[in-house]
Amino acid sequence: MLSRTADHLFWMSRYTERAEKTAVGELSIKHSARAQHAWGFLPKEGAC
């Protein structure tokens, strides 16, 4: 039973780490896109 608990804790920590990295990556992409809009490198949203 202890090994099963340890296994569950291991995988829970792996999934948590993966979720954190994904969230940080998405925030980084959004921040980069906003900065490029502000600097004029990308057209404004809806301007096609």
N, C-alpha and C. Protein backbone atom coordinates (compact mmCIF):
# COMPACT_ATOMS: atom_id res chain seq x y z
N MET A 1 0.82 -1.19 0.00
CA MET A 1 0.00 0.00 0.00
C MET A 1 0.87 1.25 0.00
N LEU A 2 1.98 1.21 0.69
CA LEU A 2 2.87 2.37 0.71
C LEU A 2 3.43 2.66 -0.67
N SER A 3 3.79 1.60 -1.41
CA SER A 3 4.35 1.83 -2.74
C SER A 3 3.30 2.44 -3.69
N ARG A 4 2.04 2.06 -3.51
CA ARG A 4 0.99 2.64 -4.34
C ARG A 4 0.82 4.12 -4.02
N THR A 5 0.87 4.47 -2.75
CA THR A 5 0.76 5.88 -2.35
C THR A 5 1.95 6.67 -2.89
N ALA A 6 3.14 6.11 -2.80
CA ALA A 6 4.33 6.78 -3.33
C ALA A 6 4.21 6.96 -4.84
N ASP A 7 3.70 5.96 -5.52
CA ASP A 7 3.52 6.05 -6.97
C ASP A 7 2.52 7.16 -7.32
N HIS A 8 1.42 7.22 -6.60
CA HIS A 8 0.42 8.26 -6.85
C HIS A 8 0.99 9.65 -6.58
N LEU A 9 1.75 9.78 -5.52
CA LEU A 9 2.37 11.08 -5.21
C LEU A 9 3.37 11.48 -6.29
N PHE A 10 4.13 10.52 -6.77
CA PHE A 10 5.10 10.80 -7.83
C PHE A 10 4.39 11.33 -9.07
N TRP A 11 3.35 10.61 -9.52
CA TRP A 11 2.67 11.03 -10.74
C TRP A 11 1.89 12.33 -10.55
N MET A 12 1.34 12.54 -9.36
CA MET A 12 0.64 13.79 -9.10
C MET A 12 1.62 14.97 -9.19
N SER A 13 2.82 14.79 -8.67
CA SER A 13 3.81 15.87 -8.74
C SER A 13 4.27 16.09 -10.18
N ARG A 14 4.38 15.02 -10.96
CA ARG A 14 4.76 15.17 -12.38
C ARG A 14 3.70 15.95 -13.15
N TYR A 15 2.43 15.60 -12.92
CA TYR A 15 1.35 16.29 -13.62
C TYR A 15 1.25 17.74 -13.18
N THR A 16 1.49 18.01 -11.90
CA THR A 16 1.47 19.38 -11.40
C THR A 16 2.59 20.19 -12.04
N GLU A 17 3.77 19.61 -12.13
CA GLU A 17 4.90 20.29 -12.75
C GLU A 17 4.62 20.58 -14.22
N ARG A 18 4.04 19.63 -14.92
CA ARG A 18 3.71 19.82 -16.33
C ARG A 18 2.67 20.93 -16.50
N ALA A 19 1.67 20.97 -15.62
CA ALA A 19 0.65 22.01 -15.69
C ALA A 19 1.24 23.38 -15.42
N GLU A 20 2.16 23.48 -14.47
CA GLU A 20 2.82 24.76 -14.17
C GLU A 20 3.63 25.24 -15.37
N LYS A 21 4.38 24.35 -15.99
CA LYS A 21 5.19 24.75 -17.15
C LYS A 21 4.31 25.18 -18.31
N THR A 22 3.19 24.49 -18.51
CA THR A 22 2.27 24.86 -19.57
C THR A 22 1.68 26.24 -19.31
N ALA A 23 1.28 26.49 -18.07
CA ALA A 23 0.69 27.78 -17.72
C ALA A 23 1.70 28.91 -17.90
N VAL A 24 2.93 28.70 -17.48
CA VAL A 24 3.96 29.72 -17.63
C VAL A 24 4.24 29.97 -19.11
N GLY A 25 4.28 28.91 -19.90
CA GLY A 25 4.51 29.06 -21.33
C GLY A 25 3.40 29.83 -22.02
N GLU A 26 2.16 29.56 -21.65
CA GLU A 26 1.04 30.28 -22.25
C GLU A 26 1.06 31.75 -21.86
N LEU A 27 1.38 32.03 -20.60
CA LEU A 27 1.47 33.43 -20.18
C LEU A 27 2.59 34.14 -20.91
N SER A 28 3.70 33.45 -21.14
CA SER A 28 4.82 34.04 -21.85
C SER A 28 4.43 34.37 -23.29
N ILE A 29 3.71 33.46 -23.94
CA ILE A 29 3.28 33.69 -25.32
C ILE A 29 2.33 34.88 -25.39
N LYS A 30 1.37 34.94 -24.45
CA LYS A 30 0.42 36.05 -24.44
C LYS A 30 1.13 37.38 -24.20
N HIS A 31 2.10 37.38 -23.28
CA HIS A 31 2.84 38.60 -22.99
C HIS A 31 3.64 39.04 -24.22
N SER A 32 4.25 38.09 -24.90
CA SER A 32 5.04 38.40 -26.09
C SER A 32 4.15 38.98 -27.20
N ALA A 33 2.97 38.41 -27.38
CA ALA A 33 2.06 38.92 -28.41
C ALA A 33 1.61 40.33 -28.08
N ARG A 34 1.31 40.59 -26.81
CA ARG A 34 0.91 41.94 -26.41
C ARG A 34 2.03 42.93 -26.63
N ALA A 35 3.24 42.54 -26.31
CA ALA A 35 4.39 43.42 -26.49
C ALA A 35 4.60 43.72 -27.98
N GLN A 36 4.44 42.72 -28.82
CA GLN A 36 4.62 42.94 -30.25
C GLN A 36 3.54 43.86 -30.80
N HIS A 37 2.31 43.74 -30.29
CA HIS A 37 1.24 44.66 -30.70
C HIS A 37 1.61 46.09 -30.27
N ALA A 38 2.09 46.23 -29.06
CA ALA A 38 2.42 47.55 -28.54
C ALA A 38 3.58 48.17 -29.32
N TRP A 39 4.51 47.36 -29.76
CA TRP A 39 5.67 47.88 -30.48
C TRP A 39 5.38 48.08 -31.97
N GLY A 40 4.21 47.61 -32.41
CA GLY A 40 3.83 47.80 -33.81
C GLY A 40 4.33 46.73 -34.75
N PHE A 41 4.80 45.61 -34.22
CA PHE A 41 5.30 44.55 -35.09
C PHE A 41 4.17 43.69 -35.66
N LEU A 42 3.03 43.66 -34.97
CA LEU A 42 1.88 42.88 -35.43
C LEU A 42 0.71 43.82 -35.68
N PRO A 43 -0.15 43.51 -36.64
CA PRO A 43 -1.32 44.36 -36.86
C PRO A 43 -2.28 44.25 -35.67
N LYS A 44 -3.08 45.25 -35.51
CA LYS A 44 -4.07 45.24 -34.44
C LYS A 44 -5.06 44.09 -34.67
N GLU A 45 -5.64 43.62 -33.59
CA GLU A 45 -6.60 42.52 -33.69
C GLU A 45 -7.80 42.99 -34.51
N GLY A 46 -8.25 42.15 -35.42
CA GLY A 46 -9.40 42.46 -36.24
C GLY A 46 -9.08 43.30 -37.46
N ALA A 47 -7.82 43.61 -37.69
CA ALA A 47 -7.44 44.44 -38.85
C ALA A 47 -6.93 43.53 -39.97
N CYS A 48 -7.83 42.99 -40.74
CA CYS A 48 -7.43 42.12 -41.86
C CYS A 48 -7.79 42.74 -43.18
